[in-house]
N, C-alpha and C. Protein backbone atom coordinates (compact mmCIF):
# COMPACT_ATOMS: atom_id res chain seq x y z
N MET A 1 -43.12 -19.17 -4.00
CA MET A 1 -43.00 -17.93 -3.26
C MET A 1 -41.61 -17.81 -2.64
N LEU A 2 -41.16 -18.88 -1.98
CA LEU A 2 -39.86 -18.86 -1.33
C LEU A 2 -38.74 -18.71 -2.36
N THR A 3 -38.86 -19.36 -3.51
CA THR A 3 -37.84 -19.27 -4.54
C THR A 3 -37.77 -17.85 -5.09
N ALA A 4 -38.90 -17.21 -5.30
CA ALA A 4 -38.91 -15.83 -5.79
C ALA A 4 -38.26 -14.90 -4.77
N ARG A 5 -38.54 -15.14 -3.51
CA ARG A 5 -37.97 -14.31 -2.45
C ARG A 5 -36.45 -14.47 -2.41
N ARG A 6 -36.00 -15.70 -2.55
CA ARG A 6 -34.55 -15.95 -2.57
C ARG A 6 -33.90 -15.27 -3.77
N ALA A 7 -34.57 -15.30 -4.90
CA ALA A 7 -34.02 -14.66 -6.10
C ALA A 7 -33.89 -13.15 -5.89
N VAL A 8 -34.90 -12.54 -5.29
CA VAL A 8 -34.86 -11.11 -5.02
C VAL A 8 -33.75 -10.79 -4.03
N LEU A 9 -33.63 -11.59 -2.98
CA LEU A 9 -32.57 -11.37 -1.99
C LEU A 9 -31.19 -11.53 -2.61
N ALA A 10 -31.03 -12.52 -3.47
CA ALA A 10 -29.75 -12.74 -4.14
C ALA A 10 -29.42 -11.56 -5.05
N ALA A 11 -30.42 -11.05 -5.77
CA ALA A 11 -30.19 -9.90 -6.64
C ALA A 11 -29.81 -8.66 -5.83
N LEU A 12 -30.48 -8.45 -4.72
CA LEU A 12 -30.14 -7.31 -3.86
C LEU A 12 -28.74 -7.44 -3.28
N ALA A 13 -28.39 -8.64 -2.85
CA ALA A 13 -27.05 -8.87 -2.30
C ALA A 13 -25.98 -8.60 -3.35
N THR A 14 -26.22 -9.04 -4.57
CA THR A 14 -25.26 -8.81 -5.66
C THR A 14 -25.13 -7.32 -5.96
N ALA A 15 -26.26 -6.63 -6.02
CA ALA A 15 -26.25 -5.19 -6.28
C ALA A 15 -25.50 -4.45 -5.18
N PHE A 16 -25.73 -4.83 -3.94
CA PHE A 16 -25.06 -4.19 -2.82
C PHE A 16 -23.56 -4.43 -2.87
N ALA A 17 -23.16 -5.66 -3.12
CA ALA A 17 -21.74 -5.99 -3.18
C ALA A 17 -21.05 -5.23 -4.30
N THR A 18 -21.73 -5.10 -5.43
CA THR A 18 -21.15 -4.38 -6.56
C THR A 18 -20.99 -2.91 -6.24
N SER A 19 -21.98 -2.32 -5.58
CA SER A 19 -21.90 -0.89 -5.28
C SER A 19 -20.87 -0.60 -4.20
N VAL A 20 -20.63 -1.54 -3.30
CA VAL A 20 -19.69 -1.32 -2.21
C VAL A 20 -18.25 -1.40 -2.69
N SER A 21 -17.95 -2.30 -3.62
CA SER A 21 -16.57 -2.42 -4.05
C SER A 21 -16.47 -2.20 -5.55
N ALA A 22 -16.34 -0.95 -5.92
CA ALA A 22 -16.19 -0.60 -7.33
C ALA A 22 -14.82 -1.05 -7.81
N ALA A 23 -14.77 -1.57 -9.01
CA ALA A 23 -13.50 -2.03 -9.57
C ALA A 23 -12.69 -0.84 -10.04
N GLY A 24 -11.40 -0.95 -9.90
CA GLY A 24 -10.53 0.12 -10.36
C GLY A 24 -10.30 0.04 -11.85
N ASP A 25 -10.06 1.17 -12.45
CA ASP A 25 -9.78 1.29 -13.88
C ASP A 25 -8.26 1.44 -14.04
N VAL A 26 -7.65 0.45 -14.68
CA VAL A 26 -6.19 0.42 -14.80
C VAL A 26 -5.67 1.64 -15.56
N GLU A 27 -6.30 2.02 -16.66
CA GLU A 27 -5.83 3.16 -17.45
C GLU A 27 -5.98 4.47 -16.67
N ALA A 28 -7.10 4.65 -16.01
CA ALA A 28 -7.28 5.85 -15.18
C ALA A 28 -6.25 5.84 -14.05
N GLY A 29 -5.98 4.67 -13.50
CA GLY A 29 -4.99 4.55 -12.44
C GLY A 29 -3.59 4.89 -12.91
N ARG A 30 -3.26 4.53 -14.16
CA ARG A 30 -1.94 4.84 -14.72
C ARG A 30 -1.73 6.36 -14.72
N ILE A 31 -2.76 7.08 -15.12
CA ILE A 31 -2.67 8.54 -15.17
C ILE A 31 -2.60 9.11 -13.75
N LYS A 32 -3.45 8.63 -12.87
CA LYS A 32 -3.49 9.14 -11.50
C LYS A 32 -2.23 8.79 -10.71
N ALA A 33 -1.55 7.71 -11.10
CA ALA A 33 -0.36 7.27 -10.36
C ALA A 33 0.92 7.95 -10.83
N ASN A 34 0.83 8.87 -11.77
CA ASN A 34 2.05 9.57 -12.22
C ASN A 34 2.79 10.20 -11.06
N THR A 35 2.07 10.83 -10.15
CA THR A 35 2.72 11.44 -8.99
C THR A 35 3.38 10.38 -8.13
N CYS A 36 2.69 9.25 -7.93
CA CYS A 36 3.24 8.16 -7.12
C CYS A 36 4.57 7.67 -7.70
N MET A 37 4.59 7.50 -9.04
CA MET A 37 5.77 6.96 -9.69
C MET A 37 6.93 7.94 -9.70
N GLY A 38 6.64 9.22 -9.41
CA GLY A 38 7.70 10.22 -9.30
C GLY A 38 8.71 9.86 -8.21
N CYS A 39 8.28 9.13 -7.20
CA CYS A 39 9.18 8.65 -6.15
C CYS A 39 9.30 7.13 -6.18
N HIS A 40 8.15 6.46 -6.25
CA HIS A 40 8.12 5.00 -6.15
C HIS A 40 8.58 4.28 -7.41
N GLY A 41 8.76 5.01 -8.51
CA GLY A 41 9.19 4.38 -9.75
C GLY A 41 10.65 4.61 -10.09
N ILE A 42 11.39 5.25 -9.21
CA ILE A 42 12.80 5.55 -9.46
C ILE A 42 13.67 4.49 -8.78
N PRO A 43 14.46 3.74 -9.55
CA PRO A 43 15.32 2.72 -8.95
C PRO A 43 16.27 3.31 -7.90
N ASN A 44 16.35 2.66 -6.76
CA ASN A 44 17.26 3.03 -5.67
C ASN A 44 17.04 4.45 -5.14
N TYR A 45 15.82 4.97 -5.24
CA TYR A 45 15.53 6.32 -4.78
C TYR A 45 15.43 6.36 -3.26
N THR A 46 16.07 7.36 -2.67
CA THR A 46 15.93 7.60 -1.23
C THR A 46 15.40 9.02 -1.05
N ASN A 47 14.53 9.19 -0.07
CA ASN A 47 14.00 10.53 0.16
C ASN A 47 14.95 11.33 1.04
N ALA A 48 14.69 12.63 1.14
CA ALA A 48 15.60 13.53 1.84
C ALA A 48 15.54 13.38 3.36
N TYR A 49 14.33 13.37 3.92
CA TYR A 49 14.24 13.29 5.38
C TYR A 49 12.94 12.64 5.78
N PRO A 50 12.93 11.69 6.65
CA PRO A 50 14.13 10.95 7.09
C PRO A 50 14.62 10.09 5.93
N THR A 51 15.90 9.90 5.87
CA THR A 51 16.48 9.19 4.74
C THR A 51 16.21 7.70 4.82
N TYR A 52 15.54 7.19 3.83
CA TYR A 52 15.33 5.75 3.67
C TYR A 52 14.96 5.47 2.22
N ARG A 53 15.14 4.24 1.81
CA ARG A 53 14.83 3.86 0.44
C ARG A 53 13.32 3.82 0.25
N VAL A 54 12.84 4.47 -0.80
CA VAL A 54 11.42 4.50 -1.11
C VAL A 54 11.04 3.14 -1.71
N PRO A 55 10.01 2.49 -1.18
CA PRO A 55 9.65 1.16 -1.70
C PRO A 55 9.07 1.21 -3.11
N LYS A 56 9.37 0.19 -3.87
CA LYS A 56 8.78 0.03 -5.20
C LYS A 56 7.37 -0.52 -5.03
N LEU A 57 6.46 -0.14 -5.91
CA LEU A 57 5.07 -0.54 -5.75
C LEU A 57 4.56 -1.48 -6.83
N GLY A 58 5.19 -1.51 -7.99
CA GLY A 58 4.70 -2.33 -9.10
C GLY A 58 4.50 -3.78 -8.70
N GLY A 59 3.33 -4.32 -9.05
CA GLY A 59 3.01 -5.71 -8.75
C GLY A 59 2.49 -5.94 -7.34
N GLN A 60 2.40 -4.90 -6.55
CA GLN A 60 1.90 -5.04 -5.18
C GLN A 60 0.41 -5.40 -5.20
N HIS A 61 -0.03 -6.14 -4.20
CA HIS A 61 -1.43 -6.58 -4.13
C HIS A 61 -2.34 -5.35 -4.01
N PRO A 62 -3.40 -5.28 -4.82
CA PRO A 62 -4.26 -4.09 -4.80
C PRO A 62 -4.93 -3.82 -3.45
N GLU A 63 -5.28 -4.84 -2.71
CA GLU A 63 -5.91 -4.62 -1.40
C GLU A 63 -4.94 -3.95 -0.44
N TYR A 64 -3.67 -4.29 -0.53
CA TYR A 64 -2.66 -3.64 0.32
C TYR A 64 -2.54 -2.16 -0.06
N ILE A 65 -2.47 -1.88 -1.36
CA ILE A 65 -2.34 -0.50 -1.82
C ILE A 65 -3.55 0.33 -1.38
N LYS A 66 -4.74 -0.23 -1.54
CA LYS A 66 -5.96 0.49 -1.14
C LYS A 66 -5.95 0.79 0.36
N ALA A 67 -5.62 -0.21 1.16
CA ALA A 67 -5.60 -0.02 2.61
C ALA A 67 -4.55 1.02 3.00
N ALA A 68 -3.37 0.95 2.41
CA ALA A 68 -2.30 1.89 2.74
C ALA A 68 -2.69 3.31 2.36
N LEU A 69 -3.20 3.50 1.14
CA LEU A 69 -3.57 4.85 0.71
C LEU A 69 -4.69 5.45 1.56
N LYS A 70 -5.67 4.63 1.90
CA LYS A 70 -6.76 5.13 2.76
C LYS A 70 -6.24 5.48 4.14
N ASP A 71 -5.32 4.67 4.66
CA ASP A 71 -4.75 4.95 5.98
C ASP A 71 -3.89 6.22 5.96
N TYR A 72 -3.11 6.43 4.89
CA TYR A 72 -2.35 7.68 4.78
C TYR A 72 -3.30 8.86 4.68
N ARG A 73 -4.32 8.74 3.83
CA ARG A 73 -5.29 9.82 3.64
C ARG A 73 -5.98 10.18 4.95
N ASP A 74 -6.36 9.15 5.70
CA ASP A 74 -7.13 9.35 6.93
C ASP A 74 -6.26 9.61 8.16
N GLY A 75 -4.93 9.66 7.98
CA GLY A 75 -4.02 9.95 9.09
C GLY A 75 -3.75 8.77 10.00
N LYS A 76 -4.13 7.56 9.60
CA LYS A 76 -3.89 6.37 10.42
C LYS A 76 -2.47 5.85 10.26
N ARG A 77 -1.83 6.18 9.15
CA ARG A 77 -0.42 5.86 8.92
C ARG A 77 0.31 7.19 8.91
N GLN A 78 1.42 7.23 9.61
CA GLN A 78 2.16 8.48 9.78
C GLN A 78 3.25 8.63 8.73
N HIS A 79 3.06 9.54 7.83
CA HIS A 79 4.10 9.95 6.89
C HIS A 79 3.58 11.25 6.26
N THR A 80 4.23 12.35 6.56
CA THR A 80 3.73 13.66 6.18
C THR A 80 3.48 13.78 4.68
N THR A 81 4.44 13.35 3.87
CA THR A 81 4.29 13.47 2.42
C THR A 81 3.16 12.59 1.91
N MET A 82 3.10 11.35 2.38
CA MET A 82 2.05 10.44 1.91
C MET A 82 0.67 10.90 2.39
N HIS A 83 0.60 11.46 3.57
CA HIS A 83 -0.68 12.00 4.06
C HIS A 83 -1.13 13.15 3.15
N ALA A 84 -0.21 14.04 2.82
CA ALA A 84 -0.54 15.16 1.94
C ALA A 84 -0.99 14.66 0.57
N GLN A 85 -0.32 13.65 0.04
CA GLN A 85 -0.71 13.09 -1.26
C GLN A 85 -2.09 12.44 -1.17
N GLY A 86 -2.33 11.74 -0.10
CA GLY A 86 -3.58 11.00 0.06
C GLY A 86 -4.80 11.88 0.27
N LEU A 87 -4.60 13.07 0.81
CA LEU A 87 -5.74 13.95 1.10
C LEU A 87 -6.59 14.27 -0.12
N SER A 88 -5.98 14.30 -1.28
CA SER A 88 -6.73 14.66 -2.49
C SER A 88 -7.37 13.45 -3.18
N LEU A 89 -7.15 12.25 -2.65
CA LEU A 89 -7.64 11.04 -3.33
C LEU A 89 -9.04 10.65 -2.88
N SER A 90 -9.90 10.42 -3.85
CA SER A 90 -11.23 9.88 -3.56
C SER A 90 -11.10 8.36 -3.45
N ASP A 91 -12.15 7.70 -2.99
CA ASP A 91 -12.13 6.24 -2.95
C ASP A 91 -11.95 5.67 -4.35
N GLN A 92 -12.57 6.29 -5.37
CA GLN A 92 -12.41 5.80 -6.74
C GLN A 92 -10.99 6.00 -7.23
N ASP A 93 -10.36 7.14 -6.89
CA ASP A 93 -8.96 7.35 -7.25
C ASP A 93 -8.09 6.22 -6.69
N ILE A 94 -8.34 5.88 -5.44
CA ILE A 94 -7.57 4.82 -4.77
C ILE A 94 -7.80 3.48 -5.46
N GLU A 95 -9.04 3.18 -5.82
CA GLU A 95 -9.35 1.94 -6.55
C GLU A 95 -8.57 1.90 -7.86
N ASP A 96 -8.58 3.02 -8.60
CA ASP A 96 -7.90 3.08 -9.89
C ASP A 96 -6.39 2.93 -9.74
N ILE A 97 -5.81 3.64 -8.80
CA ILE A 97 -4.36 3.56 -8.57
C ILE A 97 -3.96 2.14 -8.18
N ALA A 98 -4.72 1.52 -7.30
CA ALA A 98 -4.42 0.14 -6.88
C ALA A 98 -4.51 -0.82 -8.04
N ALA A 99 -5.49 -0.62 -8.92
CA ALA A 99 -5.64 -1.50 -10.10
C ALA A 99 -4.42 -1.37 -11.01
N TYR A 100 -3.95 -0.13 -11.20
CA TYR A 100 -2.78 0.08 -12.04
C TYR A 100 -1.52 -0.50 -11.42
N ILE A 101 -1.29 -0.20 -10.16
CA ILE A 101 -0.06 -0.66 -9.50
C ILE A 101 0.02 -2.19 -9.48
N ALA A 102 -1.11 -2.85 -9.30
CA ALA A 102 -1.12 -4.31 -9.30
C ALA A 102 -0.68 -4.88 -10.64
N LYS A 103 -0.93 -4.15 -11.71
CA LYS A 103 -0.57 -4.60 -13.07
C LYS A 103 0.78 -4.07 -13.54
N ALA A 104 1.32 -3.08 -12.83
CA ALA A 104 2.59 -2.48 -13.22
C ALA A 104 3.74 -3.47 -12.99
N PRO A 105 4.79 -3.36 -13.79
CA PRO A 105 5.95 -4.24 -13.58
C PRO A 105 6.51 -4.09 -12.17
N ALA A 106 7.04 -5.17 -11.64
CA ALA A 106 7.54 -5.20 -10.26
C ALA A 106 8.68 -4.19 -10.04
N HIS A 107 9.38 -3.78 -11.08
CA HIS A 107 10.47 -2.82 -10.89
C HIS A 107 9.97 -1.39 -10.74
N GLN A 108 8.66 -1.18 -10.86
CA GLN A 108 8.11 0.18 -10.72
C GLN A 108 7.54 0.40 -9.36
C-alpha cells in the first residue's frame, strides 16, 4: 500500500514539475528572437538614447534570459524599449527565445 502511494505521489510530482517548467523550442525561439537580434546581434551596436553598447546575448544562460525578459515584461526592470518588446511575450515565447539564445553563437 505504501509503495503504491509513493508511486502515485512520485508520478504526480513529475507531472507537476513538467507542467510548471515547459521546455523551450530552439527553432521557434530562433524565429521569435529575430526582433531581439535586430539590436543584440549587431557587433558594436549602440542605441540612440541613452547611449550605451547593446549587450550580446548568444550563449547566455537560459535562466538569466528568462528572468530578464519576464522582469522587462512585468516592469520590474526599467528600460522603455525592452519593456515594450516584452509586453507581447507569453511565458512560452520567453522559454523559446531563451532556448535559442542559449544555443546561439556567443558573438550574437
